[in-house]
Amino acid sequence: MTDSAANPTPNCVQTVATLFAFCGIYLAIAGGLMLFRPGTISMSAGAPLLFGLEVSGPYMFLLVALVGVRSRMGVSETQ
């Protein structure tokens, strides 16, 4: 593998990945609330982040949350 100190990840990439992680955390909380306490939060709570996939239910919230958090973890591992 290459030496990560010689090729650091640019700050803008880290910032975007961190925003993905924050969106993922928000979607995980919203999906968990929908799953464990139905009716607490509306499905439209994730509409700006899911672009129509919110009609698939809380499992789609959790799946997209996993992708968002995993993308940040992947960027962290490349440092």
PDB file of N, CA and C in Angstrom:
ATOM      1  N   MET A   1       0.827  -1.187   0.000  1.00  0.00           N
ATOM      2  CA  MET A   1       0.000   0.000   0.000  1.00  0.00           C
ATOM      3  C   MET A   1       0.873   1.253   0.000  1.00  0.00           C
ATOM      4  N   THR A   2       0.273   2.357  -0.322  1.00  0.00           N
ATOM      5  CA  THR A   2       1.023   3.609  -0.352  1.00  0.00           C
ATOM      6  C   THR A   2       1.058   4.224   1.031  1.00  0.00           C
ATOM      7  N   ASP A   3       2.033   5.056   1.237  1.00  0.00           N
ATOM      8  CA  ASP A   3       2.162   5.759   2.504  1.00  0.00           C
ATOM      9  C   ASP A   3       1.142   6.887   2.543  1.00  0.00           C
ATOM     10  N   SER A   4       0.221   6.858   3.515  1.00  0.00           N
ATOM     11  CA  SER A   4      -0.844   7.862   3.564  1.00  0.00           C
ATOM     12  C   SER A   4      -0.324   9.235   3.975  1.00  0.00           C
ATOM     13  N   ALA A   5       0.828   9.303   4.611  1.00  0.00           N
ATOM     14  CA  ALA A   5       1.378  10.604   4.978  1.00  0.00           C
ATOM     15  C   ALA A   5       1.846  11.362   3.735  1.00  0.00           C
ATOM     16  N   ALA A   6       2.250  10.627   2.711  1.00  0.00           N
ATOM     17  CA  ALA A   6       2.692  11.272   1.485  1.00  0.00           C
ATOM     18  C   ALA A   6       1.517  11.766   0.654  1.00  0.00           C
ATOM     19  N   ASN A   7       0.357  11.138   0.789  1.00  0.00           N
ATOM     20  CA  ASN A   7      -0.839  11.506   0.035  1.00  0.00           C
ATOM     21  C   ASN A   7      -2.010  11.754   0.994  1.00  0.00           C
ATOM     22  N   PRO A   8      -2.010  12.865   1.688  1.00  0.00           N
ATOM     23  CA  PRO A   8      -3.110  13.117   2.626  1.00  0.00           C
ATOM     24  C   PRO A   8      -4.415  13.391   1.875  1.00  0.00           C
ATOM     25  N   THR A   9      -5.522  13.060   2.523  1.00  0.00           N
ATOM     26  CA  THR A   9      -6.837  13.325   1.945  1.00  0.00           C
ATOM     27  C   THR A   9      -7.106  14.827   1.999  1.00  0.00           C
ATOM     28  N   PRO A  10      -7.543  15.430   0.904  1.00  0.00           N
ATOM     29  CA  PRO A  10      -7.823  16.869   0.901  1.00  0.00           C
ATOM     30  C   PRO A  10      -8.914  17.234   1.908  1.00  0.00           C
ATOM     31  N   ASN A  11      -8.824  18.446   2.436  1.00  0.00           N
ATOM     32  CA  ASN A  11      -9.783  18.897   3.443  1.00  0.00           C
ATOM     33  C   ASN A  11     -11.205  18.938   2.909  1.00  0.00           C
ATOM     34  N   CYS A  12     -11.372  19.300   1.640  1.00  0.00           N
ATOM     35  CA  CYS A  12     -12.727  19.374   1.090  1.00  0.00           C
ATOM     36  C   CYS A  12     -13.366  17.986   1.030  1.00  0.00           C
ATOM     37  N   VAL A  13     -12.582  16.949   0.759  1.00  0.00           N
ATOM     38  CA  VAL A  13     -13.104  15.587   0.730  1.00  0.00           C
ATOM     39  C   VAL A  13     -13.505  15.159   2.140  1.00  0.00           C
ATOM     40  N   GLN A  14     -12.698  15.504   3.120  1.00  0.00           N
ATOM     41  CA  GLN A  14     -13.026  15.175   4.506  1.00  0.00           C
ATOM     42  C   GLN A  14     -14.284  15.904   4.954  1.00  0.00           C
ATOM     43  N   THR A  15     -14.452  17.150   4.525  1.00  0.00           N
ATOM     44  CA  THR A  15     -15.628  17.928   4.903  1.00  0.00           C
ATOM     45  C   THR A  15     -16.895  17.331   4.312  1.00  0.00           C
ATOM     46  N   VAL A  16     -16.857  16.958   3.055  1.00  0.00           N
ATOM     47  CA  VAL A  16     -18.029  16.359   2.417  1.00  0.00           C
ATOM     48  C   VAL A  16     -18.348  15.013   3.062  1.00  0.00           C
ATOM     49  N   ALA A  17     -17.343  14.225   3.366  1.00  0.00           N
ATOM     50  CA  ALA A  17     -17.578  12.936   4.013  1.00  0.00           C
ATOM     51  C   ALA A  17     -18.160  13.121   5.415  1.00  0.00           C
ATOM     52  N   THR A  18     -17.740  14.157   6.116  1.00  0.00           N
ATOM     53  CA  THR A  18     -18.298  14.443   7.433  1.00  0.00           C
ATOM     54  C   THR A  18     -19.755  14.870   7.322  1.00  0.00           C
ATOM     55  N   LEU A  19     -20.088  15.652   6.312  1.00  0.00           N
ATOM     56  CA  LEU A  19     -21.490  16.012   6.086  1.00  0.00           C
ATOM     57  C   LEU A  19     -22.327  14.773   5.773  1.00  0.00           C
ATOM     58  N   PHE A  20     -21.780  13.840   5.001  1.00  0.00           N
ATOM     59  CA  PHE A  20     -22.473  12.575   4.733  1.00  0.00           C
ATOM     60  C   PHE A  20     -22.724  11.836   6.045  1.00  0.00           C
ATOM     61  N   ALA A  21     -21.734  11.833   6.930  1.00  0.00           N
ATOM     62  CA  ALA A  21     -21.891  11.142   8.210  1.00  0.00           C
ATOM     63  C   ALA A  21     -22.966  11.803   9.058  1.00  0.00           C
ATOM     64  N   PHE A  22     -22.999  13.140   9.091  1.00  0.00           N
ATOM     65  CA  PHE A  22     -24.037  13.833   9.862  1.00  0.00           C
ATOM     66  C   PHE A  22     -25.421  13.532   9.299  1.00  0.00           C
ATOM     67  N   CYS A  23     -25.541  13.508   7.987  1.00  0.00           N
ATOM     68  CA  CYS A  23     -26.833  13.149   7.363  1.00  0.00           C
ATOM     69  C   CYS A  23     -27.198  11.711   7.695  1.00  0.00           C
ATOM     70  N   GLY A  24     -26.210  10.845   7.695  1.00  0.00           N
ATOM     71  CA  GLY A  24     -26.453   9.448   8.044  1.00  0.00           C
ATOM     72  C   GLY A  24     -26.910   9.279   9.477  1.00  0.00           C
ATOM     73  N   ILE A  25     -26.311  10.038  10.380  1.00  0.00           N
ATOM     74  CA  ILE A  25     -26.723   9.970  11.787  1.00  0.00           C
ATOM     75  C   ILE A  25     -28.148  10.466  11.942  1.00  0.00           C
ATOM     76  N   TYR A  26     -28.482  11.548  11.260  1.00  0.00           N
ATOM     77  CA  TYR A  26     -29.849  12.075  11.303  1.00  0.00           C
ATOM     78  C   TYR A  26     -30.839  11.045  10.770  1.00  0.00           C
ATOM     79  N   LEU A  27     -30.506  10.418   9.638  1.00  0.00           N
ATOM     80  CA  LEU A  27     -31.401   9.424   9.054  1.00  0.00           C
ATOM     81  C   LEU A  27     -31.513   8.181   9.933  1.00  0.00           C
ATOM     82  N   ALA A  28     -30.439   7.801  10.601  1.00  0.00           N
ATOM     83  CA  ALA A  28     -30.489   6.653  11.511  1.00  0.00           C
ATOM     84  C   ALA A  28     -31.405   6.936  12.695  1.00  0.00           C
ATOM     85  N   ILE A  29     -31.317   8.135  13.235  1.00  0.00           N
ATOM     86  CA  ILE A  29     -32.195   8.501  14.352  1.00  0.00           C
ATOM     87  C   ILE A  29     -33.647   8.534  13.889  1.00  0.00           C
ATOM     88  N   ALA A  30     -33.899   9.152  12.739  1.00  0.00           N
ATOM     89  CA  ALA A  30     -35.268   9.231  12.227  1.00  0.00           C
ATOM     90  C   ALA A  30     -35.802   7.838  11.897  1.00  0.00           C
ATOM     91  N   GLY A  31     -34.999   7.007  11.262  1.00  0.00           N
ATOM     92  CA  GLY A  31     -35.425   5.651  10.932  1.00  0.00           C
ATOM     93  C   GLY A  31     -35.666   4.802  12.164  1.00  0.00           C
ATOM     94  N   GLY A  32     -34.807   4.954  13.156  1.00  0.00           N
ATOM     95  CA  GLY A  32     -35.000   4.222  14.410  1.00  0.00           C
ATOM     96  C   GLY A  32     -36.277   4.633  15.120  1.00  0.00           C
ATOM     97  N   LEU A  33     -36.542   5.928  15.148  1.00  0.00           N
ATOM     98  CA  LEU A  33     -37.793   6.399  15.747  1.00  0.00           C
ATOM     99  C   LEU A  33     -39.005   5.861  15.007  1.00  0.00           C
ATOM    100  N   MET A  34     -38.941   5.868  13.679  1.00  0.00           N
ATOM    101  CA  MET A  34     -40.063   5.353  12.893  1.00  0.00           C
ATOM    102  C   MET A  34     -40.260   3.860  13.110  1.00  0.00           C
ATOM    103  N   LEU A  35     -39.169   3.149  13.290  1.00  0.00           N
ATOM    104  CA  LEU A  35     -39.250   1.705  13.435  1.00  0.00           C
ATOM    105  C   LEU A  35     -39.754   1.300  14.819  1.00  0.00           C
ATOM    106  N   PHE A  36     -39.235   1.946  15.850  1.00  0.00           N
ATOM    107  CA  PHE A  36     -39.557   1.537  17.213  1.00  0.00           C
ATOM    108  C   PHE A  36     -40.729   2.289  17.826  1.00  0.00           C
ATOM    109  N   ARG A  37     -41.031   3.488  17.320  1.00  0.00           N
ATOM    110  CA  ARG A  37     -42.178   4.260  17.805  1.00  0.00           C
ATOM    111  C   ARG A  37     -42.936   4.824  16.613  1.00  0.00           C
ATOM    112  N   PRO A  38     -43.711   3.978  15.954  1.00  0.00           N
ATOM    113  CA  PRO A  38     -44.431   4.422  14.752  1.00  0.00           C
ATOM    114  C   PRO A  38     -45.330   5.620  15.043  1.00  0.00           C
ATOM    115  N   GLY A  39     -45.346   6.565  14.134  1.00  0.00           N
ATOM    116  CA  GLY A  39     -46.178   7.752  14.274  1.00  0.00           C
ATOM    117  C   GLY A  39     -45.498   8.904  14.991  1.00  0.00           C
ATOM    118  N   THR A  40     -44.311   8.680  15.545  1.00  0.00           N
ATOM    119  CA  THR A  40     -43.594   9.744  16.257  1.00  0.00           C
ATOM    120  C   THR A  40     -43.082  10.801  15.291  1.00  0.00           C
ATOM    121  N   ILE A  41     -42.599  10.355  14.160  1.00  0.00           N
ATOM    122  CA  ILE A  41     -42.004  11.265  13.187  1.00  0.00           C
ATOM    123  C   ILE A  41     -42.555  10.909  11.804  1.00  0.00           C
ATOM    124  N   SER A  42     -42.753  11.901  10.993  1.00  0.00           N
ATOM    125  CA  SER A  42     -43.320  11.703   9.662  1.00  0.00           C
ATOM    126  C   SER A  42     -42.256  11.189   8.693  1.00  0.00           C
ATOM    127  N   MET A  43     -42.705  10.444   7.703  1.00  0.00           N
ATOM    128  CA  MET A  43     -41.790   9.953   6.669  1.00  0.00           C
ATOM    129  C   MET A  43     -41.182  11.099   5.871  1.00  0.00           C
ATOM    130  N   SER A  44     -41.852  12.213   5.821  1.00  0.00           N
ATOM    131  CA  SER A  44     -41.335  13.348   5.059  1.00  0.00           C
ATOM    132  C   SER A  44     -40.150  14.020   5.754  1.00  0.00           C
ATOM    133  N   ALA A  45     -39.789  13.564   6.948  1.00  0.00           N
ATOM    134  CA  ALA A  45     -38.637  14.129   7.647  1.00  0.00           C
ATOM    135  C   ALA A  45     -37.336  13.873   6.888  1.00  0.00           C
ATOM    136  N   GLY A  46     -37.291  12.820   6.100  1.00  0.00           N
ATOM    137  CA  GLY A  46     -36.084  12.511   5.351  1.00  0.00           C
ATOM    138  C   GLY A  46     -36.172  12.840   3.881  1.00  0.00           C
ATOM    139  N   ALA A  47     -37.251  13.485   3.476  1.00  0.00           N
ATOM    140  CA  ALA A  47     -37.463  13.772   2.055  1.00  0.00           C
ATOM    141  C   ALA A  47     -36.332  14.569   1.409  1.00  0.00           C
ATOM    142  N   PRO A  48     -35.782  15.589   2.058  1.00  0.00           N
ATOM    143  CA  PRO A  48     -34.694  16.332   1.396  1.00  0.00           C
ATOM    144  C   PRO A  48     -33.422  15.503   1.181  1.00  0.00           C
ATOM    145  N   LEU A  49     -33.246  14.451   1.972  1.00  0.00           N
ATOM    146  CA  LEU A  49     -32.030  13.644   1.861  1.00  0.00           C
ATOM    147  C   LEU A  49     -32.231  12.364   1.061  1.00  0.00           C
ATOM    148  N   LEU A  50     -33.466  11.890   0.949  1.00  0.00           N
ATOM    149  CA  LEU A  50     -33.716  10.610   0.300  1.00  0.00           C
ATOM    150  C   LEU A  50     -34.293  10.732  -1.101  1.00  0.00           C
ATOM    151  N   PHE A  51     -34.737  11.901  -1.499  1.00  0.00           N
ATOM    152  CA  PHE A  51     -35.204  12.161  -2.865  1.00  0.00           C
ATOM    153  C   PHE A  51     -36.233  11.144  -3.349  1.00  0.00           C
ATOM    154  N   GLY A  52     -37.277  10.905  -2.562  1.00  0.00           N
ATOM    155  CA  GLY A  52     -38.353  10.012  -2.965  1.00  0.00           C
ATOM    156  C   GLY A  52     -38.267   8.619  -2.381  1.00  0.00           C
ATOM    157  N   LEU A  53     -37.127   8.234  -1.865  1.00  0.00           N
ATOM    158  CA  LEU A  53     -36.987   6.898  -1.291  1.00  0.00           C
ATOM    159  C   LEU A  53     -37.636   6.785   0.083  1.00  0.00           C
ATOM    160  N   GLU A  54     -38.087   7.895   0.661  1.00  0.00           N
ATOM    161  CA  GLU A  54     -38.682   7.846   1.989  1.00  0.00           C
ATOM    162  C   GLU A  54     -39.989   7.066   2.009  1.00  0.00           C
ATOM    163  N   VAL A  55     -40.626   6.896   0.844  1.00  0.00           N
ATOM    164  CA  VAL A  55     -41.867   6.129   0.793  1.00  0.00           C
ATOM    165  C   VAL A  55     -41.605   4.628   0.989  1.00  0.00           C
ATOM    166  N   SER A  56     -40.357   4.202   0.939  1.00  0.00           N
ATOM    167  CA  SER A  56     -40.009   2.796   1.156  1.00  0.00           C
ATOM    168  C   SER A  56     -39.998   2.421   2.626  1.00  0.00           C
ATOM    169  N   GLY A  57     -40.096   3.393   3.500  1.00  0.00           N
ATOM    170  CA  GLY A  57     -40.202   3.109   4.924  1.00  0.00           C
ATOM    171  C   GLY A  57     -38.915   3.325   5.697  1.00  0.00           C
ATOM    172  N   PRO A  58     -38.954   2.967   6.968  1.00  0.00           N
ATOM    173  CA  PRO A  58     -37.803   3.227   7.843  1.00  0.00           C
ATOM    174  C   PRO A  58     -36.568   2.423   7.470  1.00  0.00           C
ATOM    175  N   TYR A  59     -36.760   1.292   6.800  1.00  0.00           N
ATOM    176  CA  TYR A  59     -35.589   0.507   6.422  1.00  0.00           C
ATOM    177  C   TYR A  59     -34.727   1.240   5.394  1.00  0.00           C
ATOM    178  N   MET A  60     -35.342   2.010   4.535  1.00  0.00           N
ATOM    179  CA  MET A  60     -34.569   2.803   3.572  1.00  0.00           C
ATOM    180  C   MET A  60     -33.807   3.905   4.296  1.00  0.00           C
ATOM    181  N   PHE A  61     -34.412   4.485   5.331  1.00  0.00           N
ATOM    182  CA  PHE A  61     -33.714   5.477   6.147  1.00  0.00           C
ATOM    183  C   PHE A  61     -32.452   4.856   6.734  1.00  0.00           C
ATOM    184  N   LEU A  62     -32.588   3.660   7.288  1.00  0.00           N
ATOM    185  CA  LEU A  62     -31.449   3.007   7.923  1.00  0.00           C
ATOM    186  C   LEU A  62     -30.398   2.582   6.906  1.00  0.00           C
ATOM    187  N   LEU A  63     -30.825   2.157   5.730  1.00  0.00           N
ATOM    188  CA  LEU A  63     -29.875   1.758   4.692  1.00  0.00           C
ATOM    189  C   LEU A  63     -29.059   2.952   4.197  1.00  0.00           C
ATOM    190  N   VAL A  64     -29.718   4.061   3.943  1.00  0.00           N
ATOM    191  CA  VAL A  64     -29.005   5.262   3.484  1.00  0.00           C
ATOM    192  C   VAL A  64     -28.120   5.808   4.607  1.00  0.00           C
ATOM    193  N   ALA A  65     -28.570   5.675   5.850  1.00  0.00           N
ATOM    194  CA  ALA A  65     -27.743   6.091   6.984  1.00  0.00           C
ATOM    195  C   ALA A  65     -26.468   5.275   7.041  1.00  0.00           C
ATOM    196  N   LEU A  66     -26.578   3.980   6.800  1.00  0.00           N
ATOM    197  CA  LEU A  66     -25.404   3.113   6.795  1.00  0.00           C
ATOM    198  C   LEU A  66     -24.418   3.524   5.704  1.00  0.00           C
ATOM    199  N   VAL A  67     -24.926   3.850   4.538  1.00  0.00           N
ATOM    200  CA  VAL A  67     -24.071   4.282   3.434  1.00  0.00           C
ATOM    201  C   VAL A  67     -23.366   5.593   3.779  1.00  0.00           C
ATOM    202  N   GLY A  68     -24.096   6.530   4.383  1.00  0.00           N
ATOM    203  CA  GLY A  68     -23.506   7.822   4.734  1.00  0.00           C
ATOM    204  C   GLY A  68     -22.411   7.700   5.776  1.00  0.00           C
ATOM    205  N   VAL A  69     -22.667   6.920   6.799  1.00  0.00           N
ATOM    206  CA  VAL A  69     -21.658   6.755   7.857  1.00  0.00           C
ATOM    207  C   VAL A  69     -20.479   5.942   7.343  1.00  0.00           C
ATOM    208  N   ARG A  70     -20.757   4.946   6.541  1.00  0.00           N
ATOM    209  CA  ARG A  70     -19.665   4.122   6.006  1.00  0.00           C
ATOM    210  C   ARG A  70     -18.761   4.913   5.056  1.00  0.00           C
ATOM    211  N   SER A  71     -19.324   5.871   4.345  1.00  0.00           N
ATOM    212  CA  SER A  71     -18.490   6.683   3.461  1.00  0.00           C
ATOM    213  C   SER A  71     -17.493   7.503   4.274  1.00  0.00           C
ATOM    214  N   ARG A  72     -17.922   8.011   5.418  1.00  0.00           N
ATOM    215  CA  ARG A  72     -16.994   8.764   6.274  1.00  0.00           C
ATOM    216  C   ARG A  72     -15.927   7.844   6.843  1.00  0.00           C
ATOM    217  N   MET A  73     -16.329   6.638   7.218  1.00  0.00           N
ATOM    218  CA  MET A  73     -15.356   5.708   7.760  1.00  0.00           C
ATOM    219  C   MET A  73     -14.330   5.319   6.696  1.00  0.00           C
ATOM    220  N   GLY A  74     -14.772   5.194   5.461  1.00  0.00           N
ATOM    221  CA  GLY A  74     -13.848   4.866   4.377  1.00  0.00           C
ATOM    222  C   GLY A  74     -12.832   5.962   4.138  1.00  0.00           C
ATOM    223  N   VAL A  75     -13.267   7.214   4.225  1.00  0.00           N
ATOM    224  CA  VAL A  75     -12.334   8.329   4.051  1.00  0.00           C
ATOM    225  C   VAL A  75     -11.357   8.375   5.227  1.00  0.00           C
ATOM    226  N   SER A  76     -11.841   8.062   6.421  1.00  0.00           N
ATOM    227  CA  SER A  76     -10.964   8.051   7.593  1.00  0.00           C
ATOM    228  C   SER A  76      -9.887   6.970   7.479  1.00  0.00           C
ATOM    229  N   GLU A  77     -10.257   5.832   6.894  1.00  0.00           N
ATOM    230  CA  GLU A  77      -9.284   4.749   6.762  1.00  0.00           C
ATOM    231  C   GLU A  77      -8.200   5.062   5.741  1.00  0.00           C
ATOM    232  N   THR A  78      -8.484   5.922   4.790  1.00  0.00           N
ATOM    233  CA  THR A  78      -7.485   6.229   3.774  1.00  0.00           C
ATOM    234  C   THR A  78      -6.474   7.268   4.237  1.00  0.00           C
ATOM    235  N   GLN A  79      -6.699   7.857   5.380  1.00  0.00           N
ATOM    236  CA  GLN A  79      -5.755   8.867   5.872  1.00  0.00           C
ATOM    237  C   GLN A  79      -4.479   8.243   6.348  1.00  0.00           C
TER     238      GLN A  79
END
